[in-house]
């Protein structure tokens, strides 16, 4: 089992900084609608209870969880949909550590952080991740 103990960190000036997970632990933020199940809009919440998970997503995410990685669902569903969402995740056997609601809607996400961020666009199938070189936007030096 992978250790989730946060390691102390320091900034370039030797001051304490936010602690970090060990390098071997991945901190996955996973969307729900259109990624682990059909794309259900907030305007049709009745579908949230009856949609089915994508089998490869369930298997892959639970394997990652069992390997010791952190799984947090990050969804544009609103706080009023939390209970139906948690019930759905548990009913279908998803293993996870957290659920973050109210992700901004509309896509075109740009995540700015002082920690390493790796983005993987879901394109219809969950498989093991592979490394590829792509062009990314970065801050001008």
N, C-alpha and C. Protein backbone atom coordinates (compact mmCIF):
# COMPACT_ATOMS: atom_id res chain seq x y z
N UNK A 1 0.84 -1.18 0.00
CA UNK A 1 0.00 0.00 0.00
C UNK A 1 0.88 1.25 0.00
N UNK A 2 0.50 2.21 -0.78
CA UNK A 2 1.26 3.45 -0.88
C UNK A 2 0.97 4.35 0.32
N UNK A 3 1.99 4.99 0.84
CA UNK A 3 1.87 5.90 1.98
C UNK A 3 1.39 7.27 1.51
N UNK A 4 0.31 7.77 2.10
CA UNK A 4 -0.24 9.08 1.74
C UNK A 4 0.30 10.19 2.64
N UNK A 5 1.30 9.90 3.44
CA UNK A 5 1.85 10.91 4.33
C UNK A 5 2.43 12.06 3.51
N UNK A 6 2.04 13.27 3.87
CA UNK A 6 2.55 14.44 3.17
C UNK A 6 3.99 14.73 3.60
N UNK A 7 4.83 15.01 2.62
CA UNK A 7 6.23 15.32 2.89
C UNK A 7 6.39 16.83 3.04
N UNK A 8 7.21 17.26 4.01
CA UNK A 8 7.45 18.69 4.15
C UNK A 8 8.11 19.24 2.89
N UNK A 9 7.83 20.51 2.61
CA UNK A 9 8.41 21.16 1.43
C UNK A 9 8.84 22.57 1.81
N UNK A 10 9.79 23.07 1.04
CA UNK A 10 10.25 24.45 1.23
C UNK A 10 10.27 25.16 -0.11
N UNK A 11 10.08 26.48 -0.05
CA UNK A 11 10.13 27.26 -1.28
C UNK A 11 11.58 27.63 -1.60
N UNK A 12 11.78 28.41 -2.64
CA UNK A 12 13.12 28.78 -3.09
C UNK A 12 13.89 29.59 -2.06
N UNK A 13 13.20 30.16 -1.09
CA UNK A 13 13.84 30.98 -0.05
C UNK A 13 14.04 30.21 1.25
N UNK A 14 13.75 28.91 1.22
CA UNK A 14 13.91 28.09 2.41
C UNK A 14 12.76 28.18 3.39
N UNK A 15 11.68 28.85 3.00
CA UNK A 15 10.51 28.96 3.87
C UNK A 15 9.62 27.73 3.70
N UNK A 16 8.90 27.38 4.75
CA UNK A 16 7.99 26.25 4.66
C UNK A 16 6.94 26.52 3.59
N UNK A 17 6.64 25.50 2.82
CA UNK A 17 5.62 25.56 1.78
C UNK A 17 4.62 24.45 2.03
N UNK A 18 3.57 24.42 1.24
CA UNK A 18 2.55 23.37 1.39
C UNK A 18 3.20 22.01 1.21
N UNK A 19 2.91 21.06 2.12
CA UNK A 19 3.50 19.72 1.99
C UNK A 19 3.00 19.02 0.74
N UNK A 20 3.75 18.01 0.32
CA UNK A 20 3.43 17.31 -0.93
C UNK A 20 3.35 15.81 -0.70
N UNK A 21 2.53 15.17 -1.53
CA UNK A 21 2.44 13.72 -1.51
C UNK A 21 3.75 13.11 -2.04
N UNK A 22 4.03 11.87 -1.67
CA UNK A 22 5.18 11.19 -2.27
C UNK A 22 5.00 11.11 -3.79
N UNK A 23 6.10 11.09 -4.52
CA UNK A 23 6.06 11.08 -5.99
C UNK A 23 5.24 9.93 -6.56
N UNK A 24 5.22 8.79 -5.87
CA UNK A 24 4.53 7.63 -6.42
C UNK A 24 3.01 7.67 -6.24
N UNK A 25 2.50 8.65 -5.49
CA UNK A 25 1.06 8.78 -5.28
C UNK A 25 0.50 9.79 -6.27
N UNK A 26 -0.50 9.35 -7.02
CA UNK A 26 -1.19 10.26 -7.93
C UNK A 26 -2.47 10.72 -7.24
N UNK A 27 -2.77 11.98 -7.41
CA UNK A 27 -3.93 12.62 -6.81
C UNK A 27 -4.91 12.89 -7.95
N UNK A 28 -5.75 11.90 -8.27
CA UNK A 28 -6.64 12.00 -9.43
C UNK A 28 -7.87 12.83 -9.12
N UNK A 29 -8.17 13.80 -9.98
CA UNK A 29 -9.44 14.52 -9.96
C UNK A 29 -10.20 14.05 -11.18
N UNK A 30 -11.34 13.41 -10.97
CA UNK A 30 -12.07 12.75 -12.04
C UNK A 30 -13.45 13.39 -12.20
N UNK A 31 -13.77 13.81 -13.41
CA UNK A 31 -15.10 14.31 -13.73
C UNK A 31 -16.07 13.13 -13.72
N UNK A 32 -17.35 13.41 -13.56
CA UNK A 32 -18.36 12.34 -13.56
C UNK A 32 -19.09 12.28 -14.90
N UNK A 33 -19.86 13.33 -15.21
CA UNK A 33 -20.73 13.30 -16.39
C UNK A 33 -19.93 13.38 -17.68
N UNK A 34 -20.11 12.36 -18.52
CA UNK A 34 -19.39 12.28 -19.79
C UNK A 34 -18.03 11.63 -19.65
N UNK A 35 -17.63 11.29 -18.40
CA UNK A 35 -16.32 10.69 -18.16
C UNK A 35 -16.43 9.31 -17.53
N UNK A 36 -17.24 9.17 -16.49
CA UNK A 36 -17.44 7.85 -15.89
C UNK A 36 -18.86 7.34 -16.12
N UNK A 37 -19.71 8.18 -16.68
CA UNK A 37 -21.07 7.81 -17.06
C UNK A 37 -21.52 8.74 -18.18
N UNK A 38 -22.73 8.52 -18.67
CA UNK A 38 -23.25 9.38 -19.73
C UNK A 38 -23.25 10.84 -19.27
N UNK A 39 -23.27 11.75 -20.22
CA UNK A 39 -23.23 13.18 -19.91
C UNK A 39 -24.63 13.66 -19.52
N UNK A 40 -24.87 13.76 -18.22
CA UNK A 40 -26.17 14.17 -17.68
C UNK A 40 -26.09 15.63 -17.25
N UNK A 41 -26.86 16.53 -17.87
CA UNK A 41 -26.82 17.94 -17.47
C UNK A 41 -27.56 18.17 -16.15
N UNK A 42 -27.17 19.19 -15.42
CA UNK A 42 -27.82 19.54 -14.16
C UNK A 42 -29.31 19.79 -14.34
N UNK A 43 -29.70 20.20 -15.53
CA UNK A 43 -31.11 20.51 -15.78
C UNK A 43 -31.99 19.26 -15.87
N UNK A 44 -31.38 18.07 -15.87
CA UNK A 44 -32.12 16.81 -15.92
C UNK A 44 -31.67 15.89 -14.78
N UNK A 45 -31.81 16.34 -13.54
CA UNK A 45 -31.28 15.56 -12.40
C UNK A 45 -31.92 14.19 -12.22
N UNK A 46 -33.12 13.99 -12.75
CA UNK A 46 -33.76 12.68 -12.61
C UNK A 46 -32.95 11.59 -13.28
N UNK A 47 -32.14 11.93 -14.30
CA UNK A 47 -31.30 10.94 -14.98
C UNK A 47 -30.09 10.54 -14.15
N UNK A 48 -29.71 11.37 -13.18
CA UNK A 48 -28.51 11.10 -12.38
C UNK A 48 -28.62 9.80 -11.60
N UNK A 49 -29.82 9.44 -11.19
CA UNK A 49 -30.01 8.24 -10.38
C UNK A 49 -30.04 6.97 -11.20
N UNK A 50 -30.33 7.08 -12.50
CA UNK A 50 -30.56 5.87 -13.30
C UNK A 50 -29.49 5.58 -14.35
N UNK A 51 -28.58 6.51 -14.58
CA UNK A 51 -27.55 6.25 -15.59
C UNK A 51 -26.59 5.17 -15.09
N UNK A 52 -25.92 4.53 -16.01
CA UNK A 52 -25.00 3.45 -15.66
C UNK A 52 -23.56 3.90 -15.82
N UNK A 53 -22.66 3.36 -15.00
CA UNK A 53 -21.25 3.73 -15.15
C UNK A 53 -20.64 3.06 -16.37
N UNK A 54 -19.62 3.68 -16.92
CA UNK A 54 -18.82 3.04 -17.95
C UNK A 54 -17.96 1.99 -17.24
N UNK A 55 -18.06 0.73 -17.67
CA UNK A 55 -17.38 -0.37 -16.99
C UNK A 55 -15.88 -0.19 -16.89
N UNK A 56 -15.27 0.30 -17.97
CA UNK A 56 -13.82 0.47 -17.92
C UNK A 56 -13.43 1.56 -16.92
N UNK A 57 -14.27 2.56 -16.74
CA UNK A 57 -13.99 3.62 -15.77
C UNK A 57 -14.04 3.06 -14.35
N UNK A 58 -15.09 2.32 -14.05
CA UNK A 58 -15.23 1.73 -12.72
C UNK A 58 -14.04 0.82 -12.41
N UNK A 59 -13.71 -0.07 -13.33
CA UNK A 59 -12.59 -0.99 -13.11
C UNK A 59 -11.27 -0.26 -12.94
N UNK A 60 -10.99 0.70 -13.80
CA UNK A 60 -9.71 1.41 -13.76
C UNK A 60 -9.59 2.26 -12.50
N UNK A 61 -10.63 3.03 -12.18
CA UNK A 61 -10.55 3.90 -11.00
C UNK A 61 -10.44 3.08 -9.72
N UNK A 62 -11.18 1.98 -9.62
CA UNK A 62 -11.07 1.15 -8.43
C UNK A 62 -9.70 0.50 -8.32
N UNK A 63 -9.11 0.15 -9.45
CA UNK A 63 -7.74 -0.41 -9.43
C UNK A 63 -6.75 0.66 -8.95
N UNK A 64 -6.89 1.88 -9.49
CA UNK A 64 -6.01 2.97 -9.04
C UNK A 64 -6.17 3.20 -7.54
N UNK A 65 -7.40 3.18 -7.05
CA UNK A 65 -7.65 3.35 -5.62
C UNK A 65 -6.95 2.23 -4.84
N UNK A 66 -7.12 0.98 -5.30
CA UNK A 66 -6.51 -0.16 -4.62
C UNK A 66 -4.99 -0.10 -4.65
N UNK A 67 -4.42 0.53 -5.68
CA UNK A 67 -2.97 0.70 -5.76
C UNK A 67 -2.47 1.78 -4.81
N UNK A 68 -3.40 2.53 -4.20
CA UNK A 68 -3.01 3.53 -3.22
C UNK A 68 -3.10 4.97 -3.68
N UNK A 69 -3.60 5.19 -4.88
CA UNK A 69 -3.74 6.55 -5.37
C UNK A 69 -5.00 7.19 -4.80
N UNK A 70 -5.04 8.50 -4.82
CA UNK A 70 -6.18 9.24 -4.27
C UNK A 70 -7.16 9.54 -5.40
N UNK A 71 -8.42 9.19 -5.18
CA UNK A 71 -9.47 9.41 -6.17
C UNK A 71 -10.45 10.43 -5.60
N UNK A 72 -10.57 11.55 -6.28
CA UNK A 72 -11.55 12.57 -5.90
C UNK A 72 -12.37 12.90 -7.13
N UNK A 73 -13.68 12.80 -6.99
CA UNK A 73 -14.56 13.20 -8.09
C UNK A 73 -14.78 14.70 -8.01
N UNK A 74 -14.73 15.34 -9.17
CA UNK A 74 -14.82 16.79 -9.31
C UNK A 74 -15.87 17.04 -10.38
N UNK A 75 -17.03 17.55 -9.99
CA UNK A 75 -18.16 17.60 -10.90
C UNK A 75 -18.81 18.97 -10.98
N UNK A 76 -19.43 19.25 -12.11
CA UNK A 76 -20.20 20.48 -12.28
C UNK A 76 -21.60 20.34 -11.69
N UNK A 77 -21.92 19.17 -11.19
CA UNK A 77 -23.19 19.04 -10.49
C UNK A 77 -23.19 19.98 -9.30
N UNK A 78 -24.34 20.52 -8.98
CA UNK A 78 -24.43 21.48 -7.89
C UNK A 78 -24.57 20.78 -6.55
N UNK A 79 -24.40 21.55 -5.49
CA UNK A 79 -24.48 21.00 -4.14
C UNK A 79 -25.83 20.32 -3.90
N UNK A 80 -26.88 20.79 -4.52
CA UNK A 80 -28.20 20.16 -4.33
C UNK A 80 -28.23 18.75 -4.91
N UNK A 81 -27.25 18.40 -5.75
CA UNK A 81 -27.18 17.06 -6.34
C UNK A 81 -26.19 16.15 -5.62
N UNK A 82 -25.65 16.60 -4.50
CA UNK A 82 -24.64 15.81 -3.77
C UNK A 82 -25.20 14.45 -3.35
N UNK A 83 -26.36 14.43 -2.72
CA UNK A 83 -26.88 13.17 -2.19
C UNK A 83 -27.12 12.14 -3.30
N UNK A 84 -27.75 12.55 -4.41
CA UNK A 84 -28.00 11.60 -5.49
C UNK A 84 -26.68 11.14 -6.10
N UNK A 85 -25.69 12.02 -6.13
CA UNK A 85 -24.38 11.68 -6.69
C UNK A 85 -23.65 10.69 -5.80
N UNK A 86 -23.61 10.94 -4.49
CA UNK A 86 -22.95 10.01 -3.57
C UNK A 86 -23.65 8.65 -3.57
N UNK A 87 -24.98 8.67 -3.60
CA UNK A 87 -25.74 7.42 -3.64
C UNK A 87 -25.39 6.64 -4.90
N UNK A 88 -25.31 7.35 -6.04
CA UNK A 88 -24.99 6.69 -7.31
C UNK A 88 -23.59 6.09 -7.28
N UNK A 89 -22.61 6.87 -6.82
CA UNK A 89 -21.23 6.37 -6.76
C UNK A 89 -21.14 5.13 -5.88
N UNK A 90 -21.78 5.17 -4.72
CA UNK A 90 -21.73 4.03 -3.79
C UNK A 90 -22.51 2.83 -4.33
N UNK A 91 -23.66 3.07 -4.94
CA UNK A 91 -24.47 1.99 -5.50
C UNK A 91 -23.69 1.19 -6.53
N UNK A 92 -22.88 1.89 -7.32
CA UNK A 92 -22.15 1.22 -8.39
C UNK A 92 -20.76 0.76 -7.98
N UNK A 93 -20.39 1.00 -6.72
CA UNK A 93 -19.15 0.44 -6.20
C UNK A 93 -17.89 1.24 -6.47
N UNK A 94 -18.02 2.53 -6.77
CA UNK A 94 -16.83 3.35 -6.95
C UNK A 94 -16.14 3.54 -5.60
N UNK A 95 -14.83 3.35 -5.58
CA UNK A 95 -14.01 3.62 -4.40
C UNK A 95 -13.41 5.01 -4.59
N UNK A 96 -13.58 5.86 -3.60
CA UNK A 96 -13.07 7.22 -3.76
C UNK A 96 -12.83 7.85 -2.39
N UNK A 97 -12.08 8.94 -2.41
CA UNK A 97 -11.72 9.64 -1.17
C UNK A 97 -12.53 10.91 -0.97
N UNK A 98 -12.98 11.53 -2.05
CA UNK A 98 -13.69 12.79 -1.90
C UNK A 98 -14.55 13.11 -3.11
N UNK A 99 -15.45 14.07 -2.90
CA UNK A 99 -16.35 14.53 -3.95
C UNK A 99 -16.44 16.04 -3.87
N UNK A 100 -15.99 16.72 -4.93
CA UNK A 100 -16.05 18.18 -5.00
C UNK A 100 -17.14 18.58 -5.98
N UNK A 101 -18.06 19.39 -5.52
CA UNK A 101 -19.19 19.83 -6.34
C UNK A 101 -18.91 21.22 -6.91
N UNK A 102 -19.76 21.65 -7.84
CA UNK A 102 -19.77 23.01 -8.39
C UNK A 102 -18.56 23.39 -9.24
N UNK A 103 -17.97 22.41 -9.92
CA UNK A 103 -16.92 22.73 -10.89
C UNK A 103 -17.55 23.68 -11.92
N UNK A 104 -16.85 24.71 -12.35
CA UNK A 104 -17.43 25.59 -13.37
C UNK A 104 -17.85 24.80 -14.61
N UNK A 105 -18.96 25.18 -15.18
CA UNK A 105 -19.47 24.49 -16.36
C UNK A 105 -18.87 25.08 -17.63
N UNK A 106 -18.86 24.31 -18.69
CA UNK A 106 -18.52 24.83 -20.00
C UNK A 106 -17.20 24.36 -20.58
N UNK A 107 -16.39 23.64 -19.82
CA UNK A 107 -15.14 23.14 -20.38
C UNK A 107 -14.10 24.23 -20.57
N UNK A 108 -13.15 23.97 -21.47
CA UNK A 108 -12.02 24.88 -21.74
C UNK A 108 -11.29 25.24 -20.46
N UNK A 109 -11.03 24.23 -19.63
CA UNK A 109 -10.43 24.45 -18.33
C UNK A 109 -8.93 24.77 -18.44
N UNK A 110 -8.52 25.74 -17.70
CA UNK A 110 -7.10 26.08 -17.54
C UNK A 110 -6.83 26.10 -16.05
N UNK A 111 -6.04 25.17 -15.59
CA UNK A 111 -5.77 25.03 -14.17
C UNK A 111 -4.41 25.66 -13.89
N UNK A 112 -4.39 26.66 -13.02
CA UNK A 112 -3.15 27.33 -12.63
C UNK A 112 -2.87 26.96 -11.19
N UNK A 113 -1.70 26.41 -10.93
CA UNK A 113 -1.38 25.91 -9.60
C UNK A 113 0.13 26.00 -9.40
N UNK A 114 0.57 26.01 -8.15
CA UNK A 114 2.00 26.01 -7.90
C UNK A 114 2.54 24.58 -7.77
N UNK A 115 1.67 23.59 -7.92
CA UNK A 115 2.08 22.19 -7.92
C UNK A 115 1.97 21.64 -9.34
N UNK A 116 2.61 20.53 -9.57
CA UNK A 116 2.55 19.89 -10.89
C UNK A 116 1.11 19.49 -11.18
N UNK A 117 0.64 19.85 -12.36
CA UNK A 117 -0.69 19.46 -12.81
C UNK A 117 -0.52 18.73 -14.14
N UNK A 118 -1.09 17.55 -14.22
CA UNK A 118 -1.08 16.80 -15.47
C UNK A 118 -2.53 16.63 -15.89
N UNK A 119 -2.82 16.93 -17.11
CA UNK A 119 -4.19 16.83 -17.60
C UNK A 119 -4.31 15.68 -18.58
N UNK A 120 -5.39 14.95 -18.47
CA UNK A 120 -5.68 13.86 -19.39
C UNK A 120 -7.12 14.03 -19.86
N UNK A 121 -7.30 14.21 -21.13
CA UNK A 121 -8.64 14.37 -21.65
C UNK A 121 -9.26 13.00 -21.90
N UNK A 122 -10.45 12.80 -21.35
CA UNK A 122 -11.15 11.54 -21.54
C UNK A 122 -11.74 11.51 -22.95
N UNK A 123 -11.46 10.45 -23.69
CA UNK A 123 -11.92 10.36 -25.07
C UNK A 123 -12.60 9.01 -25.33
N UNK A 124 -13.40 8.53 -24.38
CA UNK A 124 -14.22 7.37 -24.64
C UNK A 124 -13.79 6.06 -24.03
N UNK A 125 -12.62 6.00 -23.43
CA UNK A 125 -12.14 4.75 -22.86
C UNK A 125 -11.15 5.00 -21.74
N UNK A 126 -11.32 4.29 -20.64
CA UNK A 126 -10.34 4.31 -19.56
C UNK A 126 -9.37 3.17 -19.79
N UNK A 127 -8.09 3.47 -19.84
CA UNK A 127 -7.03 2.48 -19.95
C UNK A 127 -5.89 2.93 -19.06
N UNK A 128 -4.83 2.17 -19.01
CA UNK A 128 -3.64 2.66 -18.33
C UNK A 128 -3.17 3.92 -19.04
N UNK A 129 -2.60 4.83 -18.28
CA UNK A 129 -2.08 6.06 -18.87
C UNK A 129 -0.72 5.81 -19.50
N UNK A 130 -0.45 6.47 -20.60
CA UNK A 130 0.85 6.41 -21.26
C UNK A 130 1.38 7.83 -21.39
N UNK A 131 2.68 7.97 -21.51
CA UNK A 131 3.28 9.29 -21.66
C UNK A 131 3.43 9.62 -23.14
N UNK A 132 2.96 10.81 -23.51
CA UNK A 132 3.15 11.34 -24.85
C UNK A 132 3.54 12.80 -24.71
N UNK A 133 4.30 13.29 -25.66
CA UNK A 133 4.64 14.70 -25.64
C UNK A 133 3.61 15.48 -26.43
N UNK A 134 3.10 16.55 -25.82
CA UNK A 134 2.12 17.42 -26.45
C UNK A 134 2.54 18.86 -26.23
N UNK A 135 2.00 19.75 -27.01
CA UNK A 135 2.24 21.16 -26.80
C UNK A 135 1.30 21.66 -25.72
N UNK A 136 1.85 22.39 -24.75
CA UNK A 136 1.03 22.94 -23.67
C UNK A 136 1.32 24.44 -23.55
N UNK A 137 0.36 25.15 -23.00
CA UNK A 137 0.55 26.57 -22.73
C UNK A 137 1.25 26.71 -21.38
N UNK A 138 2.25 27.58 -21.31
CA UNK A 138 2.95 27.85 -20.06
C UNK A 138 3.09 29.36 -19.91
N UNK A 139 3.41 29.80 -18.69
CA UNK A 139 3.65 31.21 -18.45
C UNK A 139 4.98 31.61 -19.09
N UNK A 140 5.01 32.78 -19.68
CA UNK A 140 6.21 33.32 -20.29
C UNK A 140 7.30 33.47 -19.24
N UNK A 141 8.53 33.05 -19.56
CA UNK A 141 9.65 33.14 -18.61
C UNK A 141 10.07 34.57 -18.41
